[in-house]
Amino acid sequence: MDSWFLYLIRTSSGTLYTGITKDIQRRFAEHCGGGAKGAKALRGKGPLTLEYQVKTQDKSSALKLEIAIKRWPKHKKEALIAGTMALPDLPS
């Protein structure tokens, strides 16, 4: 089974970006590089910091978490980063 990760990146202005990947170090470097492989939403917003990462069961779980967390208000994402809030249980 492949390992997938959910991650949150903070921009220099404090905005949080949520994404998924199989390789966090490679993906973060792509975002920081600002090239064609990095997210358009992060270009020119550096320096970037990787604030949160968690391994998921599979790609499907990672996608479901990404969708759920992207709908959260910023204060809930900050609580997740701080460790005062847990990830939601996902339906099978």
N, C-alpha and C. Protein backbone atom coordinates (compact mmCIF):
# COMPACT_ATOMS: atom_id res chain seq x y z
N MET A 1 0.84 -1.19 0.00
CA MET A 1 0.00 0.00 0.00
C MET A 1 0.89 1.25 0.00
N ASP A 2 0.53 2.22 -0.82
CA ASP A 2 1.29 3.48 -0.91
C ASP A 2 0.96 4.38 0.28
N SER A 3 1.97 5.14 0.72
CA SER A 3 1.77 6.10 1.80
C SER A 3 1.41 7.45 1.21
N TRP A 4 0.36 8.05 1.73
CA TRP A 4 -0.06 9.38 1.34
C TRP A 4 -0.09 10.26 2.57
N PHE A 5 0.16 11.54 2.37
CA PHE A 5 0.22 12.50 3.47
C PHE A 5 -0.66 13.71 3.17
N LEU A 6 -1.23 14.25 4.22
CA LEU A 6 -1.92 15.53 4.18
C LEU A 6 -0.96 16.53 4.82
N TYR A 7 -0.87 17.74 4.27
CA TYR A 7 0.03 18.74 4.84
C TYR A 7 -0.60 20.12 4.79
N LEU A 8 -0.13 21.00 5.69
CA LEU A 8 -0.52 22.40 5.70
C LEU A 8 0.74 23.25 5.65
N ILE A 9 0.75 24.23 4.77
CA ILE A 9 1.86 25.15 4.59
C ILE A 9 1.38 26.56 4.92
N ARG A 10 2.21 27.31 5.66
CA ARG A 10 1.89 28.70 6.00
C ARG A 10 2.71 29.63 5.10
N THR A 11 2.04 30.64 4.54
CA THR A 11 2.73 31.65 3.74
C THR A 11 3.26 32.75 4.65
N SER A 12 4.02 33.67 4.09
CA SER A 12 4.57 34.76 4.89
C SER A 12 3.49 35.66 5.46
N SER A 13 2.32 35.69 4.82
CA SER A 13 1.21 36.52 5.33
C SER A 13 0.33 35.76 6.32
N GLY A 14 0.64 34.48 6.57
CA GLY A 14 -0.12 33.71 7.55
C GLY A 14 -1.21 32.83 6.97
N THR A 15 -1.41 32.90 5.67
CA THR A 15 -2.42 32.07 5.02
C THR A 15 -1.98 30.61 5.09
N LEU A 16 -2.95 29.71 5.27
CA LEU A 16 -2.66 28.29 5.31
C LEU A 16 -3.13 27.61 4.03
N TYR A 17 -2.24 26.83 3.44
CA TYR A 17 -2.51 26.07 2.21
C TYR A 17 -2.55 24.59 2.58
N THR A 18 -3.56 23.87 2.12
CA THR A 18 -3.72 22.45 2.41
C THR A 18 -3.51 21.64 1.15
N GLY A 19 -2.76 20.55 1.26
CA GLY A 19 -2.53 19.69 0.10
C GLY A 19 -2.24 18.26 0.51
N ILE A 20 -2.11 17.38 -0.49
CA ILE A 20 -1.76 15.99 -0.25
C ILE A 20 -0.62 15.60 -1.19
N THR A 21 0.14 14.59 -0.79
CA THR A 21 1.26 14.13 -1.60
C THR A 21 1.73 12.76 -1.11
N LYS A 22 2.56 12.13 -1.90
CA LYS A 22 3.22 10.90 -1.49
C LYS A 22 4.62 11.21 -0.95
N ASP A 23 5.15 12.39 -1.25
CA ASP A 23 6.51 12.76 -0.86
C ASP A 23 6.51 14.22 -0.39
N ILE A 24 6.45 14.40 0.91
CA ILE A 24 6.31 15.75 1.47
C ILE A 24 7.53 16.63 1.18
N GLN A 25 8.74 16.11 1.34
CA GLN A 25 9.94 16.92 1.11
C GLN A 25 10.00 17.41 -0.34
N ARG A 26 9.73 16.51 -1.28
CA ARG A 26 9.76 16.89 -2.70
C ARG A 26 8.68 17.94 -2.98
N ARG A 27 7.47 17.70 -2.49
CA ARG A 27 6.36 18.62 -2.77
C ARG A 27 6.60 19.99 -2.15
N PHE A 28 7.10 20.02 -0.92
CA PHE A 28 7.39 21.29 -0.26
C PHE A 28 8.46 22.06 -1.03
N ALA A 29 9.49 21.35 -1.50
CA ALA A 29 10.54 21.99 -2.30
C ALA A 29 9.96 22.56 -3.60
N GLU A 30 9.03 21.85 -4.21
CA GLU A 30 8.37 22.36 -5.43
C GLU A 30 7.61 23.64 -5.14
N HIS A 31 6.89 23.66 -4.02
CA HIS A 31 6.15 24.87 -3.64
C HIS A 31 7.10 26.03 -3.37
N CYS A 32 8.17 25.76 -2.64
CA CYS A 32 9.13 26.82 -2.30
C CYS A 32 9.86 27.34 -3.53
N GLY A 33 10.09 26.47 -4.51
CA GLY A 33 10.79 26.87 -5.72
C GLY A 33 9.98 27.80 -6.61
N GLY A 34 8.67 27.79 -6.47
CA GLY A 34 7.82 28.69 -7.23
C GLY A 34 7.72 28.37 -8.71
N GLY A 35 8.21 27.21 -9.12
CA GLY A 35 8.16 26.83 -10.53
C GLY A 35 6.82 26.29 -10.95
N ALA A 36 6.80 25.70 -12.14
CA ALA A 36 5.56 25.20 -12.72
C ALA A 36 4.93 24.08 -11.91
N LYS A 37 5.72 23.34 -11.14
CA LYS A 37 5.18 22.22 -10.36
C LYS A 37 4.62 22.65 -9.01
N GLY A 38 4.94 23.85 -8.56
CA GLY A 38 4.42 24.36 -7.30
C GLY A 38 3.02 24.92 -7.49
N ALA A 39 2.26 24.97 -6.41
CA ALA A 39 0.90 25.50 -6.48
C ALA A 39 0.91 26.99 -6.83
N LYS A 40 0.05 27.38 -7.76
CA LYS A 40 -0.04 28.79 -8.14
C LYS A 40 -0.40 29.67 -6.94
N ALA A 41 -1.22 29.12 -6.05
CA ALA A 41 -1.66 29.88 -4.87
C ALA A 41 -0.50 30.25 -3.95
N LEU A 42 0.64 29.55 -4.07
CA LEU A 42 1.78 29.81 -3.18
C LEU A 42 2.89 30.62 -3.83
N ARG A 43 2.80 30.84 -5.12
CA ARG A 43 3.87 31.56 -5.82
C ARG A 43 3.97 33.01 -5.34
N GLY A 44 5.18 33.40 -5.01
CA GLY A 44 5.41 34.76 -4.54
C GLY A 44 4.93 35.03 -3.13
N LYS A 45 4.57 33.99 -2.40
CA LYS A 45 4.01 34.16 -1.05
C LYS A 45 4.99 33.73 0.04
N GLY A 46 6.25 33.47 -0.35
CA GLY A 46 7.24 32.95 0.59
C GLY A 46 7.80 34.01 1.51
N PRO A 47 8.56 33.61 2.49
CA PRO A 47 8.98 32.23 2.72
C PRO A 47 7.83 31.37 3.24
N LEU A 48 7.86 30.11 2.85
CA LEU A 48 6.84 29.16 3.24
C LEU A 48 7.35 28.29 4.38
N THR A 49 6.44 27.88 5.26
CA THR A 49 6.82 26.95 6.33
C THR A 49 5.84 25.79 6.34
N LEU A 50 6.38 24.60 6.47
CA LEU A 50 5.56 23.40 6.58
C LEU A 50 5.09 23.32 8.03
N GLU A 51 3.80 23.52 8.25
CA GLU A 51 3.27 23.61 9.61
C GLU A 51 2.73 22.29 10.15
N TYR A 52 2.24 21.43 9.27
CA TYR A 52 1.57 20.22 9.74
C TYR A 52 1.67 19.15 8.67
N GLN A 53 1.84 17.91 9.12
CA GLN A 53 1.80 16.78 8.20
C GLN A 53 1.31 15.55 8.94
N VAL A 54 0.55 14.72 8.25
CA VAL A 54 0.06 13.49 8.85
C VAL A 54 -0.05 12.43 7.76
N LYS A 55 0.34 11.22 8.11
CA LYS A 55 0.24 10.10 7.18
C LYS A 55 -1.20 9.60 7.19
N THR A 56 -1.71 9.27 6.02
CA THR A 56 -3.06 8.75 5.90
C THR A 56 -3.01 7.29 5.44
N GLN A 57 -4.15 6.64 5.48
CA GLN A 57 -4.22 5.23 5.10
C GLN A 57 -3.92 5.02 3.62
N ASP A 58 -4.48 5.90 2.79
CA ASP A 58 -4.35 5.76 1.34
C ASP A 58 -4.73 7.07 0.66
N LYS A 59 -4.69 7.09 -0.66
CA LYS A 59 -4.99 8.31 -1.40
C LYS A 59 -6.43 8.78 -1.16
N SER A 60 -7.35 7.84 -1.10
CA SER A 60 -8.75 8.18 -0.88
C SER A 60 -8.93 8.92 0.45
N SER A 61 -8.31 8.39 1.50
CA SER A 61 -8.38 9.04 2.82
C SER A 61 -7.75 10.42 2.79
N ALA A 62 -6.62 10.54 2.11
CA ALA A 62 -5.94 11.82 2.01
C ALA A 62 -6.83 12.85 1.30
N LEU A 63 -7.47 12.44 0.21
CA LEU A 63 -8.35 13.34 -0.53
C LEU A 63 -9.55 13.77 0.31
N LYS A 64 -10.14 12.84 1.04
CA LYS A 64 -11.30 13.16 1.90
C LYS A 64 -10.90 14.14 2.99
N LEU A 65 -9.73 13.92 3.60
CA LEU A 65 -9.24 14.84 4.63
C LEU A 65 -8.97 16.22 4.05
N GLU A 66 -8.33 16.24 2.88
CA GLU A 66 -8.02 17.52 2.23
C GLU A 66 -9.30 18.32 1.99
N ILE A 67 -10.30 17.67 1.45
CA ILE A 67 -11.57 18.35 1.17
C ILE A 67 -12.20 18.87 2.46
N ALA A 68 -12.21 18.04 3.51
CA ALA A 68 -12.81 18.44 4.78
C ALA A 68 -12.06 19.63 5.39
N ILE A 69 -10.73 19.57 5.41
CA ILE A 69 -9.95 20.63 6.06
C ILE A 69 -9.98 21.92 5.26
N LYS A 70 -10.05 21.83 3.94
CA LYS A 70 -10.15 23.06 3.14
C LYS A 70 -11.44 23.82 3.43
N ARG A 71 -12.43 23.14 3.93
CA ARG A 71 -13.71 23.79 4.30
C ARG A 71 -13.68 24.41 5.69
N TRP A 72 -12.69 24.07 6.49
CA TRP A 72 -12.60 24.59 7.85
C TRP A 72 -12.22 26.06 7.86
N PRO A 73 -12.71 26.79 8.87
CA PRO A 73 -12.22 28.16 9.06
C PRO A 73 -10.78 28.10 9.60
N LYS A 74 -10.08 29.20 9.49
CA LYS A 74 -8.67 29.23 9.87
C LYS A 74 -8.44 28.83 11.33
N HIS A 75 -9.33 29.22 12.24
CA HIS A 75 -9.11 28.92 13.66
C HIS A 75 -9.11 27.41 13.91
N LYS A 76 -9.86 26.64 13.15
CA LYS A 76 -9.84 25.18 13.31
C LYS A 76 -8.54 24.60 12.77
N LYS A 77 -8.05 25.14 11.66
CA LYS A 77 -6.76 24.68 11.12
C LYS A 77 -5.63 25.00 12.10
N GLU A 78 -5.68 26.18 12.72
CA GLU A 78 -4.68 26.56 13.71
C GLU A 78 -4.73 25.62 14.91
N ALA A 79 -5.93 25.21 15.32
CA ALA A 79 -6.07 24.28 16.45
C ALA A 79 -5.49 22.91 16.08
N LEU A 80 -5.68 22.49 14.85
CA LEU A 80 -5.10 21.23 14.38
C LEU A 80 -3.58 21.30 14.44
N ILE A 81 -3.01 22.39 13.96
CA ILE A 81 -1.56 22.59 13.98
C ILE A 81 -1.05 22.60 15.43
N ALA A 82 -1.78 23.26 16.32
CA ALA A 82 -1.37 23.38 17.72
C ALA A 82 -1.56 22.06 18.48
N GLY A 83 -2.29 21.14 17.91
CA GLY A 83 -2.53 19.86 18.58
C GLY A 83 -3.69 19.87 19.55
N THR A 84 -4.50 20.92 19.50
CA THR A 84 -5.66 21.00 20.40
C THR A 84 -6.94 20.52 19.74
N MET A 85 -6.82 20.07 18.51
CA MET A 85 -7.97 19.53 17.77
C MET A 85 -7.50 18.32 17.00
N ALA A 86 -8.34 17.29 16.97
CA ALA A 86 -7.99 16.06 16.26
C ALA A 86 -8.56 16.09 14.85
N LEU A 87 -7.99 15.24 14.01
CA LEU A 87 -8.51 15.08 12.66
C LEU A 87 -9.90 14.45 12.73
N PRO A 88 -10.77 14.78 11.79
CA PRO A 88 -12.10 14.18 11.80
C PRO A 88 -12.05 12.70 11.41
N ASP A 89 -13.01 11.93 11.93
CA ASP A 89 -13.15 10.55 11.50
C ASP A 89 -13.79 10.58 10.12
N LEU A 90 -13.26 9.77 9.23
CA LEU A 90 -13.76 9.75 7.87
C LEU A 90 -14.65 8.54 7.64
N PRO A 91 -15.71 8.71 6.85
CA PRO A 91 -16.52 7.53 6.53
C PRO A 91 -15.71 6.58 5.65
N SER A 92 -15.97 5.31 5.78
CA SER A 92 -15.24 4.31 4.99
C SER A 92 -15.62 4.36 3.54
